[in-house]
Amino acid sequence: MKVEVFSLICQPGEAGLLGLAFHPDYKNNGYFFRNYTTKVSGNLETAIVLYKVSNADANRADPASATVLFTFDQPFDNHNGGAVKFGPDGYLYISTGDGGSWGDPGNNG
């Protein structure tokens, strides 16, 4: 089954869509998760958001279903990285980059 992920996120460089994971029971519940960076009030942040497939069209996400699970600030526009994956235990795992910039000025790496 193909789901069209609408493009709410369009950021230059190493930003934008970073990860996507379908719920292990997606066939029945239609849930999937996105990990992306976006600008909010001029600041870059990462968002982990739950979506549901559209009831009207199984090939589209329902934008109104977006539920923000959490967000966090990103200090720079690069090295944000991001993955969302389900483990064999059924839990959702989220990874992120070091928040970056050249030379790692925040000593995050």
PDB file of N, CA and C in Angstrom:
ATOM      1  N   MET A   1       0.841  -1.174   0.000  1.00  0.00           N
ATOM      2  CA  MET A   1       0.000   0.000   0.000  1.00  0.00           C
ATOM      3  C   MET A   1       0.886   1.237   0.000  1.00  0.00           C
ATOM      4  N   LYS A   2       0.636   2.153  -0.902  1.00  0.00           N
ATOM      5  CA  LYS A   2       1.410   3.385  -1.018  1.00  0.00           C
ATOM      6  C   LYS A   2       0.650   4.523  -0.351  1.00  0.00           C
ATOM      7  N   VAL A   3       1.320   5.283   0.485  1.00  0.00           N
ATOM      8  CA  VAL A   3       0.705   6.449   1.107  1.00  0.00           C
ATOM      9  C   VAL A   3       1.456   7.681   0.638  1.00  0.00           C
ATOM     10  N   GLU A   4       0.748   8.622   0.081  1.00  0.00           N
ATOM     11  CA  GLU A   4       1.366   9.872  -0.345  1.00  0.00           C
ATOM     12  C   GLU A   4       1.544  10.748   0.885  1.00  0.00           C
ATOM     13  N   VAL A   5       2.775  11.090   1.178  1.00  0.00           N
ATOM     14  CA  VAL A   5       3.062  11.953   2.316  1.00  0.00           C
ATOM     15  C   VAL A   5       3.095  13.382   1.797  1.00  0.00           C
ATOM     16  N   PHE A   6       2.107  14.158   2.189  1.00  0.00           N
ATOM     17  CA  PHE A   6       1.996  15.534   1.723  1.00  0.00           C
ATOM     18  C   PHE A   6       3.217  16.323   2.160  1.00  0.00           C
ATOM     19  N   SER A   7       3.569  17.323   1.374  1.00  0.00           N
ATOM     20  CA  SER A   7       4.821  18.035   1.646  1.00  0.00           C
ATOM     21  C   SER A   7       4.566  19.320   2.422  1.00  0.00           C
ATOM     22  N   LEU A   8       4.462  19.194   3.727  1.00  0.00           N
ATOM     23  CA  LEU A   8       4.380  20.362   4.597  1.00  0.00           C
ATOM     24  C   LEU A   8       5.782  20.842   4.957  1.00  0.00           C
ATOM     25  N   ILE A   9       6.759  19.987   4.741  1.00  0.00           N
ATOM     26  CA  ILE A   9       8.121  20.270   5.170  1.00  0.00           C
ATOM     27  C   ILE A   9       9.001  20.461   3.952  1.00  0.00           C
ATOM     28  N   CYS A  10       9.510  21.650   3.797  1.00  0.00           N
ATOM     29  CA  CYS A  10      10.430  21.928   2.698  1.00  0.00           C
ATOM     30  C   CYS A  10      11.497  22.859   3.249  1.00  0.00           C
ATOM     31  N   GLN A  11      12.623  22.308   3.615  1.00  0.00           N
ATOM     32  CA  GLN A  11      13.703  23.088   4.204  1.00  0.00           C
ATOM     33  C   GLN A  11      14.979  22.854   3.405  1.00  0.00           C
ATOM     34  N   PRO A  12      15.813  23.863   3.292  1.00  0.00           N
ATOM     35  CA  PRO A  12      17.074  23.696   2.554  1.00  0.00           C
ATOM     36  C   PRO A  12      18.112  22.922   3.374  1.00  0.00           C
ATOM     37  N   GLY A  13      19.138  22.473   2.682  1.00  0.00           N
ATOM     38  CA  GLY A  13      20.270  21.833   3.354  1.00  0.00           C
ATOM     39  C   GLY A  13      19.917  20.507   3.981  1.00  0.00           C
ATOM     40  N   GLU A  14      20.386  20.307   5.197  1.00  0.00           N
ATOM     41  CA  GLU A  14      20.192  19.043   5.906  1.00  0.00           C
ATOM     42  C   GLU A  14      18.971  19.110   6.824  1.00  0.00           C
ATOM     43  N   ALA A  15      17.874  19.576   6.295  1.00  0.00           N
ATOM     44  CA  ALA A  15      16.656  19.714   7.095  1.00  0.00           C
ATOM     45  C   ALA A  15      15.478  19.187   6.288  1.00  0.00           C
ATOM     46  N   GLY A  16      14.321  19.150   6.916  1.00  0.00           N
ATOM     47  CA  GLY A  16      13.119  18.643   6.260  1.00  0.00           C
ATOM     48  C   GLY A  16      12.765  17.271   6.791  1.00  0.00           C
ATOM     49  N   LEU A  17      12.239  16.418   5.914  1.00  0.00           N
ATOM     50  CA  LEU A  17      11.835  15.075   6.315  1.00  0.00           C
ATOM     51  C   LEU A  17      13.059  14.232   6.625  1.00  0.00           C
ATOM     52  N   LEU A  18      13.103  13.667   7.832  1.00  0.00           N
ATOM     53  CA  LEU A  18      14.255  12.879   8.265  1.00  0.00           C
ATOM     54  C   LEU A  18      13.927  11.409   8.448  1.00  0.00           C
ATOM     55  N   GLY A  19      12.690  11.084   8.758  1.00  0.00           N
ATOM     56  CA  GLY A  19      12.330   9.690   8.979  1.00  0.00           C
ATOM     57  C   GLY A  19      10.841   9.466   8.875  1.00  0.00           C
ATOM     58  N   LEU A  20      10.476   8.225   8.552  1.00  0.00           N
ATOM     59  CA  LEU A  20       9.080   7.828   8.412  1.00  0.00           C
ATOM     60  C   LEU A  20       8.967   6.364   8.811  1.00  0.00           C
ATOM     61  N   ALA A  21       7.980   6.044   9.640  1.00  0.00           N
ATOM     62  CA  ALA A  21       7.775   4.654  10.061  1.00  0.00           C
ATOM     63  C   ALA A  21       6.282   4.352  10.103  1.00  0.00           C
ATOM     64  N   PHE A  22       5.928   3.200   9.580  1.00  0.00           N
ATOM     65  CA  PHE A  22       4.548   2.743   9.626  1.00  0.00           C
ATOM     66  C   PHE A  22       4.348   1.896  10.882  1.00  0.00           C
ATOM     67  N   HIS A  23       3.243   2.107  11.562  1.00  0.00           N
ATOM     68  CA  HIS A  23       2.903   1.336  12.753  1.00  0.00           C
ATOM     69  C   HIS A  23       2.872  -0.149  12.379  1.00  0.00           C
ATOM     70  N   PRO A  24       3.314  -1.036  13.276  1.00  0.00           N
ATOM     71  CA  PRO A  24       3.298  -2.468  12.961  1.00  0.00           C
ATOM     72  C   PRO A  24       1.906  -2.988  12.570  1.00  0.00           C
ATOM     73  N   ASP A  25       0.849  -2.332  13.049  1.00  0.00           N
ATOM     74  CA  ASP A  25      -0.516  -2.732  12.696  1.00  0.00           C
ATOM     75  C   ASP A  25      -1.143  -1.735  11.724  1.00  0.00           C
ATOM     76  N   TYR A  26      -0.308  -1.121  10.891  1.00  0.00           N
ATOM     77  CA  TYR A  26      -0.759  -0.101   9.938  1.00  0.00           C
ATOM     78  C   TYR A  26      -1.935  -0.576   9.081  1.00  0.00           C
ATOM     79  N   LYS A  27      -1.912  -1.808   8.667  1.00  0.00           N
ATOM     80  CA  LYS A  27      -2.974  -2.346   7.806  1.00  0.00           C
ATOM     81  C   LYS A  27      -4.354  -2.154   8.449  1.00  0.00           C
ATOM     82  N   ASN A  28      -4.402  -2.239   9.779  1.00  0.00           N
ATOM     83  CA  ASN A  28      -5.682  -2.105  10.485  1.00  0.00           C
ATOM     84  C   ASN A  28      -5.938  -0.712  11.056  1.00  0.00           C
ATOM     85  N   ASN A  29      -4.874  -0.016  11.527  1.00  0.00           N
ATOM     86  CA  ASN A  29      -5.112   1.275  12.177  1.00  0.00           C
ATOM     87  C   ASN A  29      -4.727   2.486  11.328  1.00  0.00           C
ATOM     88  N   GLY A  30      -3.927   2.299  10.274  1.00  0.00           N
ATOM     89  CA  GLY A  30      -3.569   3.408   9.383  1.00  0.00           C
ATOM     90  C   GLY A  30      -2.628   4.445   9.976  1.00  0.00           C
ATOM     91  N   TYR A  31      -1.924   4.128  11.070  1.00  0.00           N
ATOM     92  CA  TYR A  31      -1.027   5.084  11.715  1.00  0.00           C
ATOM     93  C   TYR A  31       0.383   5.030  11.125  1.00  0.00           C
ATOM     94  N   PHE A  32       0.983   6.203  11.003  1.00  0.00           N
ATOM     95  CA  PHE A  32       2.402   6.286  10.684  1.00  0.00           C
ATOM     96  C   PHE A  32       2.994   7.511  11.356  1.00  0.00           C
ATOM     97  N   PHE A  33       4.319   7.522  11.477  1.00  0.00           N
ATOM     98  CA  PHE A  33       5.027   8.537  12.241  1.00  0.00           C
ATOM     99  C   PHE A  33       6.054   9.228  11.358  1.00  0.00           C
ATOM    100  N   ARG A  34       6.174  10.541  11.524  1.00  0.00           N
ATOM    101  CA  ARG A  34       7.163  11.322  10.778  1.00  0.00           C
ATOM    102  C   ARG A  34       8.113  12.000  11.746  1.00  0.00           C
ATOM    103  N   ASN A  35       9.367  12.069  11.338  1.00  0.00           N
ATOM    104  CA  ASN A  35      10.402  12.806  12.058  1.00  0.00           C
ATOM    105  C   ASN A  35      10.898  13.853  11.065  1.00  0.00           C
ATOM    106  N   TYR A  36      10.740  15.123  11.402  1.00  0.00           N
ATOM    107  CA  TYR A  36      11.170  16.171  10.476  1.00  0.00           C
ATOM    108  C   TYR A  36      11.617  17.419  11.222  1.00  0.00           C
ATOM    109  N   THR A  37      12.358  18.262  10.530  1.00  0.00           N
ATOM    110  CA  THR A  37      12.728  19.561  11.068  1.00  0.00           C
ATOM    111  C   THR A  37      11.967  20.629  10.303  1.00  0.00           C
ATOM    112  N   THR A  38      11.642  21.690  11.010  1.00  0.00           N
ATOM    113  CA  THR A  38      10.919  22.799  10.419  1.00  0.00           C
ATOM    114  C   THR A  38      11.227  24.076  11.202  1.00  0.00           C
ATOM    115  N   LYS A  39      11.018  25.216  10.581  1.00  0.00           N
ATOM    116  CA  LYS A  39      11.231  26.502  11.259  1.00  0.00           C
ATOM    117  C   LYS A  39       9.954  26.911  11.987  1.00  0.00           C
ATOM    118  N   VAL A  40      10.101  27.287  13.248  1.00  0.00           N
ATOM    119  CA  VAL A  40       9.006  27.789  14.053  1.00  0.00           C
ATOM    120  C   VAL A  40       9.472  29.099  14.658  1.00  0.00           C
ATOM    121  N   SER A  41       8.804  30.185  14.307  1.00  0.00           N
ATOM    122  CA  SER A  41       9.199  31.524  14.777  1.00  0.00           C
ATOM    123  C   SER A  41      10.669  31.800  14.501  1.00  0.00           C
ATOM    124  N   GLY A  42      11.163  31.337  13.346  1.00  0.00           N
ATOM    125  CA  GLY A  42      12.541  31.581  12.945  1.00  0.00           C
ATOM    126  C   GLY A  42      13.553  30.601  13.502  1.00  0.00           C
ATOM    127  N   ASN A  43      13.140  29.723  14.404  1.00  0.00           N
ATOM    128  CA  ASN A  43      14.048  28.736  15.007  1.00  0.00           C
ATOM    129  C   ASN A  43      13.765  27.355  14.441  1.00  0.00           C
ATOM    130  N   LEU A  44      14.822  26.585  14.241  1.00  0.00           N
ATOM    131  CA  LEU A  44      14.682  25.233  13.731  1.00  0.00           C
ATOM    132  C   LEU A  44      14.358  24.277  14.869  1.00  0.00           C
ATOM    133  N   GLU A  45      13.376  23.405  14.637  1.00  0.00           N
ATOM    134  CA  GLU A  45      13.074  22.387  15.628  1.00  0.00           C
ATOM    135  C   GLU A  45      12.746  21.074  14.946  1.00  0.00           C
ATOM    136  N   THR A  46      12.963  19.993  15.675  1.00  0.00           N
ATOM    137  CA  THR A  46      12.583  18.660  15.232  1.00  0.00           C
ATOM    138  C   THR A  46      11.211  18.361  15.803  1.00  0.00           C
ATOM    139  N   ALA A  47      10.373  17.714  14.993  1.00  0.00           N
ATOM    140  CA  ALA A  47       9.044  17.307  15.436  1.00  0.00           C
ATOM    141  C   ALA A  47       8.854  15.818  15.154  1.00  0.00           C
ATOM    142  N   ILE A  48       8.272  15.124  16.093  1.00  0.00           N
ATOM    143  CA  ILE A  48       7.853  13.737  15.921  1.00  0.00           C
ATOM    144  C   ILE A  48       6.330  13.774  15.941  1.00  0.00           C
ATOM    145  N   VAL A  49       5.724  13.363  14.811  1.00  0.00           N
ATOM    146  CA  VAL A  49       4.284  13.547  14.630  1.00  0.00           C
ATOM    147  C   VAL A  49       3.632  12.245  14.176  1.00  0.00           C
ATOM    148  N   LEU A  50       2.497  11.939  14.769  1.00  0.00           N
ATOM    149  CA  LEU A  50       1.677  10.787  14.411  1.00  0.00           C
ATOM    150  C   LEU A  50       0.625  11.232  13.402  1.00  0.00           C
ATOM    151  N   TYR A  51       0.435  10.451  12.334  1.00  0.00           N
ATOM    152  CA  TYR A  51      -0.593  10.709  11.322  1.00  0.00           C
ATOM    153  C   TYR A  51      -1.415   9.448  11.110  1.00  0.00           C
ATOM    154  N   LYS A  52      -2.561   9.649  10.484  1.00  0.00           N
ATOM    155  CA  LYS A  52      -3.415   8.528  10.094  1.00  0.00           C
ATOM    156  C   LYS A  52      -3.709   8.656   8.605  1.00  0.00           C
ATOM    157  N   VAL A  53      -3.841   7.522   7.955  1.00  0.00           N
ATOM    158  CA  VAL A  53      -4.190   7.527   6.538  1.00  0.00           C
ATOM    159  C   VAL A  53      -5.611   8.089   6.383  1.00  0.00           C
ATOM    160  N   SER A  54      -5.874   8.732   5.273  1.00  0.00           N
ATOM    161  CA  SER A  54      -7.179   9.322   5.001  1.00  0.00           C
ATOM    162  C   SER A  54      -8.250   8.244   4.860  1.00  0.00           C
ATOM    163  N   ASN A  55      -9.406   8.477   5.442  1.00  0.00           N
ATOM    164  CA  ASN A  55     -10.530   7.556   5.274  1.00  0.00           C
ATOM    165  C   ASN A  55     -11.076   7.615   3.853  1.00  0.00           C
ATOM    166  N   ALA A  56     -10.944   8.781   3.208  1.00  0.00           N
ATOM    167  CA  ALA A  56     -11.486   8.971   1.865  1.00  0.00           C
ATOM    168  C   ALA A  56     -10.580   8.406   0.776  1.00  0.00           C
ATOM    169  N   ASP A  57      -9.261   8.364   1.038  1.00  0.00           N
ATOM    170  CA  ASP A  57      -8.310   7.917   0.018  1.00  0.00           C
ATOM    171  C   ASP A  57      -7.151   7.196   0.703  1.00  0.00           C
ATOM    172  N   ALA A  58      -7.075   5.890   0.542  1.00  0.00           N
ATOM    173  CA  ALA A  58      -6.054   5.074   1.204  1.00  0.00           C
ATOM    174  C   ALA A  58      -4.643   5.373   0.721  1.00  0.00           C
ATOM    175  N   ASN A  59      -4.493   6.200  -0.315  1.00  0.00           N
ATOM    176  CA  ASN A  59      -3.170   6.581  -0.813  1.00  0.00           C
ATOM    177  C   ASN A  59      -2.729   7.953  -0.305  1.00  0.00           C
ATOM    178  N   ARG A  60      -3.469   8.512   0.611  1.00  0.00           N
ATOM    179  CA  ARG A  60      -3.134   9.839   1.143  1.00  0.00           C
ATOM    180  C   ARG A  60      -3.198   9.846   2.668  1.00  0.00           C
ATOM    181  N   ALA A  61      -2.374  10.702   3.229  1.00  0.00           N
ATOM    182  CA  ALA A  61      -2.436  10.937   4.671  1.00  0.00           C
ATOM    183  C   ALA A  61      -3.523  11.959   4.948  1.00  0.00           C
ATOM    184  N   ASP A  62      -4.076  11.926   6.119  1.00  0.00           N
ATOM    185  CA  ASP A  62      -5.064  12.914   6.540  1.00  0.00           C
ATOM    186  C   ASP A  62      -4.338  13.996   7.326  1.00  0.00           C
ATOM    187  N   PRO A  63      -4.150  15.188   6.743  1.00  0.00           N
ATOM    188  CA  PRO A  63      -3.406  16.248   7.444  1.00  0.00           C
ATOM    189  C   PRO A  63      -4.060  16.649   8.765  1.00  0.00           C
ATOM    190  N   ALA A  64      -5.374  16.520   8.860  1.00  0.00           N
ATOM    191  CA  ALA A  64      -6.078  16.901  10.085  1.00  0.00           C
ATOM    192  C   ALA A  64      -5.810  15.926  11.224  1.00  0.00           C
ATOM    193  N   SER A  65      -5.256  14.760  10.912  1.00  0.00           N
ATOM    194  CA  SER A  65      -4.983  13.765  11.945  1.00  0.00           C
ATOM    195  C   SER A  65      -3.654  13.996  12.666  1.00  0.00           C
ATOM    196  N   ALA A  66      -2.875  14.962  12.228  1.00  0.00           N
ATOM    197  CA  ALA A  66      -1.543  15.192  12.808  1.00  0.00           C
ATOM    198  C   ALA A  66      -1.622  15.412  14.314  1.00  0.00           C
ATOM    199  N   THR A  67      -0.875  14.586  15.047  1.00  0.00           N
ATOM    200  CA  THR A  67      -0.770  14.715  16.494  1.00  0.00           C
ATOM    201  C   THR A  67       0.708  14.835  16.830  1.00  0.00           C
ATOM    202  N   VAL A  68       1.121  16.011  17.291  1.00  0.00           N
ATOM    203  CA  VAL A  68       2.524  16.226  17.645  1.00  0.00           C
ATOM    204  C   VAL A  68       2.809  15.500  18.947  1.00  0.00           C
ATOM    205  N   LEU A  69       3.733  14.536  18.899  1.00  0.00           N
ATOM    206  CA  LEU A  69       4.097  13.785  20.093  1.00  0.00           C
ATOM    207  C   LEU A  69       5.089  14.562  20.942  1.00  0.00           C
ATOM    208  N   PHE A  70       6.094  15.147  20.280  1.00  0.00           N
ATOM    209  CA  PHE A  70       7.005  16.055  20.970  1.00  0.00           C
ATOM    210  C   PHE A  70       7.866  16.791  19.955  1.00  0.00           C
ATOM    211  N   THR A  71       8.471  17.883  20.422  1.00  0.00           N
ATOM    212  CA  THR A  71       9.387  18.687  19.613  1.00  0.00           C
ATOM    213  C   THR A  71      10.595  19.031  20.472  1.00  0.00           C
ATOM    214  N   PHE A  72      11.695  19.369  19.781  1.00  0.00           N
ATOM    215  CA  PHE A  72      12.850  19.896  20.498  1.00  0.00           C
ATOM    216  C   PHE A  72      13.638  20.792  19.555  1.00  0.00           C
ATOM    217  N   ASP A  73      14.293  21.789  20.125  1.00  0.00           N
ATOM    218  CA  ASP A  73      15.054  22.764  19.353  1.00  0.00           C
ATOM    219  C   ASP A  73      16.295  22.131  18.743  1.00  0.00           C
ATOM    220  N   GLN A  74      16.667  22.644  17.571  1.00  0.00           N
ATOM    221  CA  GLN A  74      17.918  22.266  16.909  1.00  0.00           C
ATOM    222  C   GLN A  74      18.799  23.510  16.877  1.00  0.00           C
ATOM    223  N   PRO A  75      20.019  23.427  17.371  1.00  0.00           N
ATOM    224  CA  PRO A  75      20.876  24.603  17.434  1.00  0.00           C
ATOM    225  C   PRO A  75      21.399  25.075  16.073  1.00  0.00           C
ATOM    226  N   PHE A  76      21.513  24.152  15.103  1.00  0.00           N
ATOM    227  CA  PHE A  76      22.039  24.499  13.780  1.00  0.00           C
ATOM    228  C   PHE A  76      21.227  23.787  12.703  1.00  0.00           C
ATOM    229  N   ASP A  77      21.423  24.203  11.462  1.00  0.00           N
ATOM    230  CA  ASP A  77      20.655  23.654  10.343  1.00  0.00           C
ATOM    231  C   ASP A  77      21.234  22.364   9.773  1.00  0.00           C
ATOM    232  N   ASN A  78      22.278  21.831  10.375  1.00  0.00           N
ATOM    233  CA  ASN A  78      22.845  20.584   9.850  1.00  0.00           C
ATOM    234  C   ASN A  78      23.080  19.596  10.993  1.00  0.00           C
ATOM    235  N   HIS A  79      23.421  18.381  10.636  1.00  0.00           N
ATOM    236  CA  HIS A  79      23.682  17.286  11.582  1.00  0.00           C
ATOM    237  C   HIS A  79      22.474  16.964  12.452  1.00  0.00           C
ATOM    238  N   ASN A  80      21.276  17.241  11.950  1.00  0.00           N
ATOM    239  CA  ASN A  80      20.087  16.971  12.749  1.00  0.00           C
ATOM    240  C   ASN A  80      19.726  15.488  12.714  1.00  0.00           C
ATOM    241  N   GLY A  81      19.914  14.864  11.570  1.00  0.00           N
ATOM    242  CA  GLY A  81      19.644  13.433  11.452  1.00  0.00           C
ATOM    243  C   GLY A  81      18.295  13.057  12.023  1.00  0.00           C
ATOM    244  N   GLY A  82      17.908  11.843  11.836  1.00  0.00           N
ATOM    245  CA  GLY A  82      16.656  11.426  12.447  1.00  0.00           C
ATOM    246  C   GLY A  82      16.124  10.155  11.826  1.00  0.00           C
ATOM    247  N   ALA A  83      15.706   9.275  12.662  1.00  0.00           N
ATOM    248  CA  ALA A  83      15.082   8.043  12.204  1.00  0.00           C
ATOM    249  C   ALA A  83      13.966   7.709  13.179  1.00  0.00           C
ATOM    250  N   VAL A  84      12.947   7.080  12.664  1.00  0.00           N
ATOM    251  CA  VAL A  84      11.885   6.527  13.490  1.00  0.00           C
ATOM    252  C   VAL A  84      11.669   5.107  12.997  1.00  0.00           C
ATOM    253  N   LYS A  85      11.728   4.166  13.909  1.00  0.00           N
ATOM    254  CA  LYS A  85      11.591   2.750  13.545  1.00  0.00           C
ATOM    255  C   LYS A  85      10.923   2.006  14.689  1.00  0.00           C
ATOM    256  N   PHE A  86      10.204   0.966  14.328  1.00  0.00           N
ATOM    257  CA  PHE A  86       9.630   0.090  15.338  1.00  0.00           C
ATOM    258  C   PHE A  86      10.561  -1.082  15.560  1.00  0.00           C
ATOM    259  N   GLY A  87      10.784  -1.399  16.820  1.00  0.00           N
ATOM    260  CA  GLY A  87      11.610  -2.548  17.165  1.00  0.00           C
ATOM    261  C   GLY A  87      10.761  -3.811  17.213  1.00  0.00           C
ATOM    262  N   PRO A  88      11.412  -4.961  17.347  1.00  0.00           N
ATOM    263  CA  PRO A  88      10.677  -6.228  17.430  1.00  0.00           C
ATOM    264  C   PRO A  88       9.766  -6.297  18.659  1.00  0.00           C
ATOM    265  N   ASP A  89      10.015  -5.409  19.632  1.00  0.00           N
ATOM    266  CA  ASP A  89       9.181  -5.350  20.833  1.00  0.00           C
ATOM    267  C   ASP A  89       7.917  -4.525  20.630  1.00  0.00           C
ATOM    268  N   GLY A  90       7.783  -3.900  19.419  1.00  0.00           N
ATOM    269  CA  GLY A  90       6.606  -3.094  19.112  1.00  0.00           C
ATOM    270  C   GLY A  90       6.704  -1.645  19.540  1.00  0.00           C
ATOM    271  N   TYR A  91       7.813  -1.279  20.204  1.00  0.00           N
ATOM    272  CA  TYR A  91       8.007   0.109  20.624  1.00  0.00           C
ATOM    273  C   TYR A  91       8.567   0.940  19.482  1.00  0.00           C
ATOM    274  N   LEU A  92       8.224   2.240  19.492  1.00  0.00           N
ATOM    275  CA  LEU A  92       8.749   3.181  18.517  1.00  0.00           C
ATOM    276  C   LEU A  92      10.068   3.737  19.043  1.00  0.00           C
ATOM    277  N   TYR A  93      11.123   3.649  18.234  1.00  0.00           N
ATOM    278  CA  TYR A  93      12.437   4.167  18.593  1.00  0.00           C
ATOM    279  C   TYR A  93      12.758   5.364  17.714  1.00  0.00           C
ATOM    280  N   ILE A  94      13.319   6.390  18.327  1.00  0.00           N
ATOM    281  CA  ILE A  94      13.627   7.641  17.639  1.00  0.00           C
ATOM    282  C   ILE A  94      15.088   7.965  17.866  1.00  0.00           C
ATOM    283  N   SER A  95      15.788   8.286  16.787  1.00  0.00           N
ATOM    284  CA  SER A  95      17.182   8.720  16.924  1.00  0.00           C
ATOM    285  C   SER A  95      17.314  10.104  16.317  1.00  0.00           C
ATOM    286  N   THR A  96      18.352  10.797  16.716  1.00  0.00           N
ATOM    287  CA  THR A  96      18.587  12.141  16.206  1.00  0.00           C
ATOM    288  C   THR A  96      20.084  12.366  16.041  1.00  0.00           C
ATOM    289  N   GLY A  97      20.433  13.370  15.279  1.00  0.00           N
ATOM    290  CA  GLY A  97      21.837  13.719  15.095  1.00  0.00           C
ATOM    291  C   GLY A  97      22.351  14.525  16.274  1.00  0.00           C
ATOM    292  N   ASP A  98      23.557  15.043  16.129  1.00  0.00           N
ATOM    293  CA  ASP A  98      24.173  15.777  17.238  1.00  0.00           C
ATOM    294  C   ASP A  98      23.839  17.267  17.225  1.00  0.00           C
ATOM    295  N   GLY A  99      23.047  17.733  16.261  1.00  0.00           N
ATOM    296  CA  GLY A  99      22.667  19.134  16.239  1.00  0.00           C
ATOM    297  C   GLY A  99      23.701  20.039  15.608  1.00  0.00           C
ATOM    298  N   GLY A 100      24.849  19.546  15.382  1.00  0.00           N
ATOM    299  CA  GLY A 100      25.926  19.939  14.557  1.00  0.00           C
ATOM    300  C   GLY A 100      26.623  21.251  14.493  1.00  0.00           C
ATOM    301  N   SER A 101      26.707  21.684  13.300  1.00  0.00           N
ATOM    302  CA  SER A 101      27.539  22.765  12.794  1.00  0.00           C
ATOM    303  C   SER A 101      28.970  22.244  12.644  1.00  0.00           C
ATOM    304  N   TRP A 102      29.720  22.920  11.828  1.00  0.00           N
ATOM    305  CA  TRP A 102      31.094  22.535  11.567  1.00  0.00           C
ATOM    306  C   TRP A 102      31.912  22.662  12.841  1.00  0.00           C
ATOM    307  N   GLY A 103      32.676  21.652  13.155  1.00  0.00           N
ATOM    308  CA  GLY A 103      33.548  21.699  14.321  1.00  0.00           C
ATOM    309  C   GLY A 103      32.849  21.389  15.636  1.00  0.00           C
ATOM    310  N   ASP A 104      31.566  21.105  15.596  1.00  0.00           N
ATOM    311  CA  ASP A 104      30.787  20.741  16.786  1.00  0.00           C
ATOM    312  C   ASP A 104      30.993  21.732  17.936  1.00  0.00           C
ATOM    313  N   PRO A 105      30.588  23.020  17.743  1.00  0.00           N
ATOM    314  CA  PRO A 105      30.822  24.036  18.765  1.00  0.00           C
ATOM    315  C   PRO A 105      30.116  23.770  20.091  1.00  0.00           C
ATOM    316  N   GLY A 106      29.020  22.973  20.070  1.00  0.00           N
ATOM    317  CA  GLY A 106      28.323  22.657  21.313  1.00  0.00           C
ATOM    318  C   GLY A 106      28.811  21.388  21.979  1.00  0.00           C
ATOM    319  N   ASN A 107      29.865  20.765  21.382  1.00  0.00           N
ATOM    320  CA  ASN A 107      30.403  19.497  21.915  1.00  0.00           C
ATOM    321  C   ASN A 107      29.309  18.445  22.093  1.00  0.00           C
ATOM    322  N   ASN A 108      28.401  18.380  21.118  1.00  0.00           N
ATOM    323  CA  ASN A 108      27.292  17.423  21.191  1.00  0.00           C
ATOM    324  C   ASN A 108      27.673  16.047  20.666  1.00  0.00           C
ATOM    325  N   GLY A 109      28.668  16.000  19.775  1.00  0.00           N
ATOM    326  CA  GLY A 109      29.060  14.731  19.173  1.00  0.00           C
ATOM    327  C   GLY A 109      29.751  13.872  20.168  1.00  0.00           C
TER     328      GLY A 109
END
